[in-house]
Amino acid sequence: MISLVFLLIPFVFPQDTHESIGTWVVTAYCAGPCCCGKWSDGRTANNHIIQDGEHLIAAPPGIPFGTMLYVPGYGWATVQDRGGSIKGKRLDLLFPTHQEALQWGRREVEVFKQ
């Protein structure tokens, strides 16, 4: 006789426990010269040194550095950067490679803050 025991672990979605900051246009970038030009030195606008595989976000000045945001399809990340094109309700996500940034493309998603 085989017994199956199911352990039900509730999964909490960010929209259930965190504040929505609305729908944003979300694009992607890599830290290389193709995306960052002369600013491709591995440091963000707040002088954070980018680590391999790190998730971080470039956001407009209205969202302070250090703010944790949840972007569906990307996950939780901290605002550590700015960008010349990052104005209004627009975010830019850091990806490890240019190809991964291109694969993200441009999306409109509901974003949540912690």
N, C-alpha and C. Protein backbone atom coordinates (compact mmCIF):
# COMPACT_ATOMS: atom_id res chain seq x y z
N MET A 1 0.86 -1.17 0.00
CA MET A 1 0.00 0.00 0.00
C MET A 1 0.90 1.23 0.00
N ILE A 2 0.58 2.17 -0.86
CA ILE A 2 1.35 3.41 -0.96
C ILE A 2 0.50 4.55 -0.43
N SER A 3 1.10 5.31 0.46
CA SER A 3 0.41 6.49 1.01
C SER A 3 1.06 7.74 0.45
N LEU A 4 0.27 8.65 0.06
CA LEU A 4 0.77 9.94 -0.41
C LEU A 4 0.36 11.01 0.59
N VAL A 5 1.32 11.78 0.96
CA VAL A 5 1.06 12.88 1.88
C VAL A 5 1.37 14.16 1.13
N PHE A 6 0.44 15.06 1.10
CA PHE A 6 0.63 16.34 0.44
C PHE A 6 0.80 17.42 1.50
N LEU A 7 1.85 18.15 1.37
CA LEU A 7 2.10 19.27 2.26
C LEU A 7 1.71 20.53 1.52
N LEU A 8 0.72 21.21 1.99
CA LEU A 8 0.27 22.43 1.33
C LEU A 8 0.97 23.62 1.95
N ILE A 9 1.79 24.25 1.15
CA ILE A 9 2.50 25.44 1.60
C ILE A 9 1.91 26.63 0.85
N PRO A 10 1.34 27.55 1.57
CA PRO A 10 0.75 28.69 0.87
C PRO A 10 1.82 29.52 0.19
N PHE A 11 1.56 29.87 -1.05
CA PHE A 11 2.47 30.73 -1.80
C PHE A 11 1.86 32.12 -1.83
N VAL A 12 2.63 33.10 -1.40
CA VAL A 12 2.13 34.46 -1.35
C VAL A 12 2.66 35.23 -2.54
N PHE A 13 1.77 35.75 -3.34
CA PHE A 13 2.15 36.56 -4.48
C PHE A 13 2.40 37.99 -4.02
N PRO A 14 3.35 38.70 -4.65
CA PRO A 14 3.62 40.09 -4.24
C PRO A 14 2.37 40.96 -4.22
N GLN A 15 1.45 40.74 -5.17
CA GLN A 15 0.25 41.58 -5.20
C GLN A 15 -0.65 41.35 -3.99
N ASP A 16 -0.45 40.23 -3.28
CA ASP A 16 -1.25 39.96 -2.09
C ASP A 16 -0.74 40.70 -0.86
N THR A 17 0.55 41.01 -0.82
CA THR A 17 1.14 41.56 0.40
C THR A 17 1.93 42.84 0.20
N HIS A 18 2.12 43.28 -1.03
CA HIS A 18 2.93 44.45 -1.30
C HIS A 18 2.14 45.47 -2.11
N GLU A 19 2.56 46.69 -2.05
CA GLU A 19 1.85 47.79 -2.68
C GLU A 19 2.18 47.90 -4.17
N SER A 20 1.13 47.91 -4.98
CA SER A 20 1.33 48.13 -6.42
C SER A 20 1.68 49.59 -6.64
N ILE A 21 2.66 49.84 -7.52
CA ILE A 21 2.97 51.22 -7.90
C ILE A 21 2.52 51.48 -9.33
N GLY A 22 1.67 50.57 -9.84
CA GLY A 22 1.05 50.76 -11.14
C GLY A 22 1.75 50.00 -12.26
N THR A 23 1.27 50.27 -13.46
CA THR A 23 1.82 49.64 -14.66
C THR A 23 2.94 50.51 -15.20
N TRP A 24 4.07 49.89 -15.46
CA TRP A 24 5.27 50.60 -15.93
C TRP A 24 5.76 49.99 -17.23
N VAL A 25 6.40 50.81 -18.05
CA VAL A 25 7.12 50.31 -19.23
C VAL A 25 8.48 49.86 -18.72
N VAL A 26 8.80 48.58 -18.94
CA VAL A 26 10.03 48.01 -18.42
C VAL A 26 10.89 47.50 -19.58
N THR A 27 12.09 48.04 -19.69
CA THR A 27 13.05 47.62 -20.69
C THR A 27 14.24 46.98 -19.99
N ALA A 28 15.28 46.63 -20.74
CA ALA A 28 16.42 45.93 -20.16
C ALA A 28 17.72 46.48 -20.71
N TYR A 29 18.80 46.27 -19.94
CA TYR A 29 20.13 46.67 -20.38
C TYR A 29 21.17 45.73 -19.81
N CYS A 30 22.37 45.78 -20.41
CA CYS A 30 23.52 45.07 -19.85
C CYS A 30 24.53 46.13 -19.42
N ALA A 31 25.55 45.73 -18.71
CA ALA A 31 26.53 46.70 -18.20
C ALA A 31 27.63 47.01 -19.20
N GLY A 32 27.54 46.46 -20.41
CA GLY A 32 28.57 46.67 -21.42
C GLY A 32 28.44 47.99 -22.15
N PRO A 33 29.43 48.33 -22.97
CA PRO A 33 29.43 49.59 -23.71
C PRO A 33 28.29 49.71 -24.72
N CYS A 34 27.75 48.57 -25.19
CA CYS A 34 26.64 48.64 -26.14
C CYS A 34 25.39 49.27 -25.51
N CYS A 35 25.21 49.11 -24.21
CA CYS A 35 24.05 49.68 -23.51
C CYS A 35 24.42 50.91 -22.67
N CYS A 36 25.61 50.91 -22.08
CA CYS A 36 25.97 51.96 -21.12
C CYS A 36 26.98 52.97 -21.67
N GLY A 37 27.50 52.73 -22.88
CA GLY A 37 28.43 53.68 -23.48
C GLY A 37 29.62 53.96 -22.58
N LYS A 38 29.93 55.25 -22.42
CA LYS A 38 31.11 55.62 -21.63
C LYS A 38 30.94 55.35 -20.13
N TRP A 39 29.72 54.99 -19.71
CA TRP A 39 29.47 54.68 -18.29
C TRP A 39 29.53 53.18 -18.02
N SER A 40 30.19 52.41 -18.88
CA SER A 40 30.24 50.94 -18.72
C SER A 40 31.43 50.49 -17.88
N ASP A 41 31.64 51.15 -16.76
CA ASP A 41 32.78 50.83 -15.89
C ASP A 41 32.43 49.85 -14.77
N GLY A 42 31.19 49.29 -14.78
CA GLY A 42 30.80 48.34 -13.75
C GLY A 42 30.26 48.97 -12.50
N ARG A 43 30.01 50.29 -12.54
CA ARG A 43 29.43 51.01 -11.40
C ARG A 43 28.11 51.63 -11.82
N THR A 44 27.20 51.69 -10.87
CA THR A 44 25.90 52.31 -11.14
C THR A 44 25.95 53.79 -10.78
N ALA A 45 24.83 54.46 -10.98
CA ALA A 45 24.74 55.90 -10.71
C ALA A 45 24.98 56.24 -9.24
N ASN A 46 24.71 55.30 -8.34
CA ASN A 46 24.96 55.57 -6.91
C ASN A 46 26.28 54.92 -6.45
N ASN A 47 27.15 54.62 -7.42
CA ASN A 47 28.50 54.10 -7.18
C ASN A 47 28.51 52.65 -6.67
N HIS A 48 27.42 51.94 -6.87
CA HIS A 48 27.35 50.51 -6.52
C HIS A 48 28.16 49.73 -7.55
N ILE A 49 29.00 48.80 -7.08
CA ILE A 49 29.78 47.95 -7.99
C ILE A 49 28.94 46.74 -8.36
N ILE A 50 28.69 46.57 -9.65
CA ILE A 50 27.84 45.49 -10.14
C ILE A 50 28.55 44.14 -9.97
N GLN A 51 27.83 43.19 -9.37
CA GLN A 51 28.32 41.83 -9.18
C GLN A 51 27.75 40.93 -10.28
N ASP A 52 28.49 39.90 -10.69
CA ASP A 52 28.00 38.96 -11.70
C ASP A 52 26.66 38.38 -11.30
N GLY A 53 25.71 38.39 -12.23
CA GLY A 53 24.41 37.79 -12.01
C GLY A 53 23.46 38.59 -11.14
N GLU A 54 23.85 39.77 -10.74
CA GLU A 54 23.04 40.59 -9.83
C GLU A 54 21.82 41.16 -10.56
N HIS A 55 20.70 41.18 -9.84
CA HIS A 55 19.50 41.85 -10.33
C HIS A 55 19.48 43.26 -9.75
N LEU A 56 19.35 44.26 -10.60
CA LEU A 56 19.14 45.62 -10.13
C LEU A 56 18.35 46.40 -11.14
N ILE A 57 17.86 47.54 -10.71
CA ILE A 57 16.94 48.33 -11.51
C ILE A 57 17.44 49.76 -11.64
N ALA A 58 17.29 50.30 -12.86
CA ALA A 58 17.48 51.73 -13.09
C ALA A 58 16.07 52.34 -13.09
N ALA A 59 15.88 53.35 -12.26
CA ALA A 59 14.56 53.96 -12.09
C ALA A 59 14.69 55.48 -12.15
N PRO A 60 13.57 56.16 -12.38
CA PRO A 60 13.61 57.63 -12.37
C PRO A 60 13.92 58.16 -10.97
N PRO A 61 14.37 59.41 -10.85
CA PRO A 61 14.74 59.98 -9.55
C PRO A 61 13.64 59.95 -8.49
N GLY A 62 12.39 59.83 -8.88
CA GLY A 62 11.29 59.78 -7.92
C GLY A 62 11.28 58.52 -7.07
N ILE A 63 12.02 57.49 -7.50
CA ILE A 63 12.14 56.26 -6.71
C ILE A 63 13.55 56.24 -6.14
N PRO A 64 13.69 56.36 -4.83
CA PRO A 64 15.02 56.46 -4.21
C PRO A 64 15.88 55.21 -4.40
N PHE A 65 17.20 55.42 -4.43
CA PHE A 65 18.13 54.30 -4.43
C PHE A 65 17.85 53.43 -3.21
N GLY A 66 17.95 52.13 -3.39
CA GLY A 66 17.72 51.19 -2.28
C GLY A 66 16.30 50.67 -2.20
N THR A 67 15.37 51.24 -2.97
CA THR A 67 13.99 50.77 -2.95
C THR A 67 13.92 49.38 -3.58
N MET A 68 13.24 48.45 -2.91
CA MET A 68 13.05 47.10 -3.43
C MET A 68 11.76 47.06 -4.25
N LEU A 69 11.88 46.58 -5.50
CA LEU A 69 10.73 46.46 -6.39
C LEU A 69 10.61 45.03 -6.89
N TYR A 70 9.37 44.62 -7.15
CA TYR A 70 9.11 43.32 -7.75
C TYR A 70 8.59 43.53 -9.15
N VAL A 71 9.29 42.96 -10.14
CA VAL A 71 8.89 43.03 -11.53
C VAL A 71 8.59 41.60 -11.98
N PRO A 72 7.32 41.30 -12.33
CA PRO A 72 6.99 39.94 -12.77
C PRO A 72 7.88 39.52 -13.94
N GLY A 73 8.40 38.30 -13.85
CA GLY A 73 9.29 37.79 -14.88
C GLY A 73 10.75 38.09 -14.61
N TYR A 74 11.02 38.96 -13.63
CA TYR A 74 12.39 39.33 -13.27
C TYR A 74 12.65 39.04 -11.79
N GLY A 75 11.66 39.32 -10.96
CA GLY A 75 11.77 39.08 -9.53
C GLY A 75 12.02 40.35 -8.74
N TRP A 76 12.50 40.17 -7.51
CA TRP A 76 12.80 41.29 -6.63
C TRP A 76 14.17 41.86 -6.99
N ALA A 77 14.28 43.16 -6.99
CA ALA A 77 15.56 43.82 -7.25
C ALA A 77 15.55 45.19 -6.59
N THR A 78 16.74 45.72 -6.38
CA THR A 78 16.91 47.02 -5.73
C THR A 78 17.20 48.08 -6.77
N VAL A 79 16.64 49.26 -6.57
CA VAL A 79 16.96 50.40 -7.42
C VAL A 79 18.37 50.86 -7.06
N GLN A 80 19.29 50.74 -8.01
CA GLN A 80 20.69 51.11 -7.79
C GLN A 80 21.22 52.02 -8.90
N ASP A 81 20.37 52.34 -9.89
CA ASP A 81 20.88 53.03 -11.07
C ASP A 81 19.85 54.03 -11.60
N ARG A 82 20.32 54.92 -12.43
CA ARG A 82 19.49 55.87 -13.17
C ARG A 82 19.85 55.69 -14.64
N GLY A 83 19.25 56.46 -15.50
CA GLY A 83 19.58 56.38 -16.92
C GLY A 83 18.99 57.58 -17.64
N GLY A 84 19.65 58.01 -18.69
CA GLY A 84 19.20 59.17 -19.43
C GLY A 84 17.80 59.04 -19.99
N SER A 85 17.39 57.81 -20.32
CA SER A 85 16.06 57.58 -20.90
C SER A 85 15.03 57.16 -19.87
N ILE A 86 15.44 57.08 -18.62
CA ILE A 86 14.54 56.59 -17.57
C ILE A 86 13.80 57.77 -16.96
N LYS A 87 12.64 58.05 -17.55
CA LYS A 87 11.80 59.17 -17.10
C LYS A 87 10.36 58.68 -17.02
N GLY A 88 9.58 59.35 -16.19
CA GLY A 88 8.18 58.97 -16.06
C GLY A 88 8.04 57.58 -15.46
N LYS A 89 7.08 56.80 -15.96
CA LYS A 89 6.82 55.46 -15.43
C LYS A 89 7.57 54.44 -16.28
N ARG A 90 8.90 54.51 -16.19
CA ARG A 90 9.76 53.62 -16.97
C ARG A 90 10.87 53.08 -16.07
N LEU A 91 11.15 51.80 -16.20
CA LEU A 91 12.23 51.14 -15.47
C LEU A 91 13.13 50.42 -16.47
N ASP A 92 14.37 50.20 -16.09
CA ASP A 92 15.32 49.45 -16.90
C ASP A 92 15.95 48.39 -15.99
N LEU A 93 15.94 47.14 -16.43
CA LEU A 93 16.43 46.02 -15.64
C LEU A 93 17.81 45.60 -16.12
N LEU A 94 18.73 45.35 -15.20
CA LEU A 94 20.06 44.88 -15.56
C LEU A 94 20.05 43.38 -15.81
N PHE A 95 20.62 42.97 -16.94
CA PHE A 95 20.80 41.56 -17.28
C PHE A 95 22.29 41.29 -17.46
N PRO A 96 22.73 40.03 -17.21
CA PRO A 96 24.16 39.71 -17.30
C PRO A 96 24.74 39.86 -18.70
N THR A 97 23.93 39.63 -19.73
CA THR A 97 24.44 39.73 -21.10
C THR A 97 23.52 40.59 -21.95
N HIS A 98 24.09 41.09 -23.03
CA HIS A 98 23.30 41.90 -23.96
C HIS A 98 22.19 41.06 -24.59
N GLN A 99 22.50 39.79 -24.90
CA GLN A 99 21.50 38.91 -25.50
C GLN A 99 20.29 38.73 -24.58
N GLU A 100 20.53 38.56 -23.28
CA GLU A 100 19.42 38.41 -22.33
C GLU A 100 18.61 39.69 -22.24
N ALA A 101 19.28 40.82 -22.31
CA ALA A 101 18.56 42.10 -22.30
C ALA A 101 17.67 42.22 -23.53
N LEU A 102 18.19 41.83 -24.69
CA LEU A 102 17.39 41.87 -25.92
C LEU A 102 16.20 40.92 -25.84
N GLN A 103 16.39 39.76 -25.22
CA GLN A 103 15.30 38.79 -25.08
C GLN A 103 14.17 39.34 -24.22
N TRP A 104 14.51 40.15 -23.20
CA TRP A 104 13.46 40.77 -22.37
C TRP A 104 12.63 41.71 -23.23
N GLY A 105 13.31 42.52 -24.02
CA GLY A 105 12.60 43.46 -24.88
C GLY A 105 11.98 44.62 -24.12
N ARG A 106 10.76 44.93 -24.46
CA ARG A 106 10.00 46.02 -23.83
C ARG A 106 8.66 45.44 -23.39
N ARG A 107 8.35 45.61 -22.14
CA ARG A 107 7.10 45.06 -21.60
C ARG A 107 6.40 46.10 -20.73
N GLU A 108 5.10 45.99 -20.67
CA GLU A 108 4.32 46.78 -19.72
C GLU A 108 3.82 45.82 -18.66
N VAL A 109 4.25 46.07 -17.41
CA VAL A 109 3.88 45.16 -16.31
C VAL A 109 3.51 45.95 -15.07
N GLU A 110 2.71 45.32 -14.22
CA GLU A 110 2.41 45.92 -12.92
C GLU A 110 3.59 45.68 -12.00
N VAL A 111 4.06 46.72 -11.36
CA VAL A 111 5.25 46.67 -10.50
C VAL A 111 4.81 46.87 -9.05
N PHE A 112 5.49 46.17 -8.14
CA PHE A 112 5.17 46.23 -6.71
C PHE A 112 6.37 46.67 -5.92
N LYS A 113 6.13 47.38 -4.81
CA LYS A 113 7.23 47.74 -3.93
C LYS A 113 7.02 47.08 -2.57
N GLN A 114 8.15 46.88 -1.89
CA GLN A 114 8.14 46.22 -0.61
C GLN A 114 7.68 47.16 0.47
